[in-house]
Amino acid sequence: MPLGQLIEYEDASDEVRAVYDDIMATRKTDWVNNFWKALAQDPQTLKRTWESVKQVMAPGALDPLTKEMLYIAVSVTNNCEYCITSHTAGAIQKGMTDEMLNELLAVVGMANETNSLVNGYRVPVDERLRAVAHGEAD
């Protein structure tokens, strides 16, 4: 059960409808998902979040499929069922295969395991690795 209400298109203010229209036009779809309907309770949050998502998820140095897969990885780590489902659907629409998803989830699981071990043991970062990561290696 959602906290608050989901704002349907027909019940939305003009300000919210404008964002919904942009979402549908940008995504080339005829519906708005529940995430946006929940955010529409606060039109300023809806608009700000949509503008940020639209900018960050646009093609850039990373292709749209890679961005969706990164979103899945973070969502799995944060245990966000809605985001896992939403971005898995987006990644499938952009060409992700079952094999790619399986490999992604294996990497996420491994990263979470080794991150926990590193944090538990308080492993100091090797200076050589730090230099490479900062572009300072020979």
Protein backbone atom coordinates (compact mmCIF):
# COMPACT_ATOMS: atom_id res chain seq x y z
CA MET A 1 0.00 0.00 0.00
CA PRO A 2 1.52 3.33 -1.00
CA LEU A 3 2.17 6.14 1.44
CA GLY A 4 -0.25 8.83 0.36
CA GLN A 5 -2.00 8.51 -2.97
CA LEU A 6 -1.09 7.81 -6.55
CA ILE A 7 -2.08 10.76 -8.73
CA GLU A 8 -3.78 9.59 -11.92
CA TYR A 9 -3.55 11.69 -15.07
CA GLU A 10 -7.23 12.66 -14.99
CA ASP A 11 -6.89 13.86 -11.36
CA ALA A 12 -3.60 15.71 -11.87
CA SER A 13 -3.03 19.45 -11.87
CA ASP A 14 -1.88 21.12 -15.08
CA GLU A 15 1.67 21.25 -13.67
CA VAL A 16 1.69 17.50 -13.03
CA ARG A 17 0.05 16.71 -16.37
CA ALA A 18 2.83 18.65 -18.13
CA VAL A 19 5.43 16.38 -16.50
CA TYR A 20 3.37 13.27 -17.26
CA ASP A 21 3.09 14.38 -20.89
CA ASP A 22 6.87 14.83 -21.07
CA ILE A 23 7.46 11.41 -19.49
CA MET A 24 5.16 9.75 -22.03
CA ALA A 25 6.65 11.66 -24.97
CA THR A 26 10.24 11.00 -23.92
CA ARG A 27 9.59 7.33 -23.28
CA LYS A 28 7.32 6.93 -26.29
CA THR A 29 4.58 5.33 -24.22
CA ASP A 30 0.93 5.93 -23.39
CA TRP A 31 1.15 5.52 -19.60
CA VAL A 32 2.92 6.83 -16.52
CA ASN A 33 4.14 4.33 -13.94
CA ASN A 34 3.37 4.38 -10.25
CA PHE A 35 6.70 5.89 -9.22
CA TRP A 36 5.84 9.12 -10.97
CA LYS A 37 2.24 8.99 -9.75
CA ALA A 38 3.50 8.77 -6.16
CA LEU A 39 5.92 11.66 -6.63
CA ALA A 40 3.10 13.75 -8.11
CA GLN A 41 1.86 14.29 -4.56
CA ASP A 42 4.60 16.95 -4.54
CA PRO A 43 4.73 18.51 -8.02
CA GLN A 44 8.11 20.15 -7.37
CA THR A 45 9.69 16.82 -6.42
CA LEU A 46 8.08 15.17 -9.45
CA LYS A 47 9.44 17.80 -11.85
CA ARG A 48 12.92 17.94 -10.29
CA THR A 49 13.29 14.16 -10.19
CA TRP A 50 12.02 13.68 -13.75
CA GLU A 51 14.41 16.34 -15.09
CA SER A 52 17.33 14.71 -13.28
CA VAL A 53 16.43 11.18 -14.42
CA LYS A 54 15.96 12.39 -17.98
CA GLN A 55 19.39 14.04 -17.96
CA VAL A 56 21.31 11.26 -16.22
CA MET A 57 19.75 8.39 -18.18
CA ALA A 58 20.17 10.07 -21.59
CA PRO A 59 22.82 8.63 -23.93
CA GLY A 60 26.28 9.87 -23.12
CA ALA A 61 29.68 8.30 -22.54
CA LEU A 62 27.70 5.30 -21.25
CA ASP A 63 25.08 3.79 -23.52
CA PRO A 64 21.46 3.52 -22.27
CA LEU A 65 21.65 -0.27 -21.69
CA THR A 66 24.74 0.11 -19.50
CA LYS A 67 22.99 2.81 -17.49
CA GLU A 68 19.93 0.59 -16.96
CA MET A 69 22.18 -2.27 -15.84
CA LEU A 70 24.00 -0.01 -13.40
CA TYR A 71 20.63 1.09 -12.06
CA ILE A 72 19.68 -2.57 -11.56
CA ALA A 73 22.94 -3.23 -9.70
CA VAL A 74 22.41 -0.34 -7.28
CA SER A 75 18.73 -1.23 -6.86
CA VAL A 76 19.60 -4.84 -5.99
CA THR A 77 22.13 -3.63 -3.43
CA ASN A 78 19.58 -1.21 -1.96
CA ASN A 79 16.83 -3.87 -2.04
CA CYS A 80 14.43 -1.66 -4.01
CA GLU A 81 11.94 -4.07 -5.58
CA TYR A 82 10.24 -1.34 -7.59
CA CYS A 83 13.49 -0.07 -9.11
CA ILE A 84 14.79 -3.58 -9.80
CA THR A 85 11.60 -4.35 -11.71
CA SER A 86 11.40 -1.01 -13.51
CA HIS A 87 15.02 -0.96 -14.65
CA THR A 88 15.07 -4.66 -15.53
CA ALA A 89 12.14 -3.94 -17.85
CA GLY A 90 14.02 -0.94 -19.26
CA ALA A 91 17.18 -2.98 -19.77
CA ILE A 92 15.27 -5.78 -21.51
CA GLN A 93 13.72 -3.21 -23.84
CA LYS A 94 17.25 -1.97 -24.62
CA GLY A 95 18.56 -5.47 -25.41
CA MET A 96 19.62 -7.08 -22.14
CA THR A 97 19.54 -10.87 -22.39
CA ASP A 98 18.93 -13.41 -19.61
CA GLU A 99 22.64 -14.25 -19.74
CA MET A 100 23.57 -10.59 -19.24
CA LEU A 101 21.20 -10.30 -16.26
CA ASN A 102 22.59 -13.47 -14.70
CA GLU A 103 26.15 -12.22 -15.10
CA LEU A 104 25.21 -8.79 -13.75
CA LEU A 105 23.63 -10.33 -10.65
CA ALA A 106 26.72 -12.52 -10.14
CA VAL A 107 28.91 -9.40 -10.23
CA VAL A 108 26.57 -7.56 -7.84
CA GLY A 109 26.65 -10.49 -5.42
CA MET A 110 30.43 -10.79 -5.62
CA ALA A 111 30.94 -7.05 -5.18
CA ASN A 112 28.69 -6.99 -2.12
CA GLU A 113 30.51 -9.98 -0.63
CA THR A 114 34.00 -8.60 -1.18
CA ASN A 115 32.94 -5.10 -0.08
CA SER A 116 31.70 -6.59 3.20
CA LEU A 117 34.96 -8.49 3.68
CA VAL A 118 37.07 -5.40 2.96
CA ASN A 119 34.96 -3.31 5.33
CA GLY A 120 35.04 -6.00 8.02
CA TYR A 121 38.79 -6.42 7.85
CA ARG A 122 39.31 -2.66 7.41
CA VAL A 123 41.71 -3.35 4.55
CA PRO A 124 43.83 -0.27 3.74
CA VAL A 125 43.94 0.81 0.08
CA ASP A 126 47.22 -0.03 -1.62
CA GLU A 127 49.06 3.09 -2.72
CA ARG A 128 49.80 1.48 -6.08
CA LEU A 129 46.07 0.91 -6.71
CA ARG A 130 45.27 4.44 -5.55
CA ALA A 131 47.80 5.86 -8.01
CA VAL A 132 46.30 3.94 -10.93
CA ALA A 133 42.74 4.93 -9.91
CA HIS A 134 43.80 8.58 -9.79
CA GLY A 135 45.66 8.47 -13.09
CA GLU A 136 49.03 8.93 -11.39
CA ALA A 137 50.67 5.62 -12.33
CA ASP A 138 53.61 5.38 -14.69
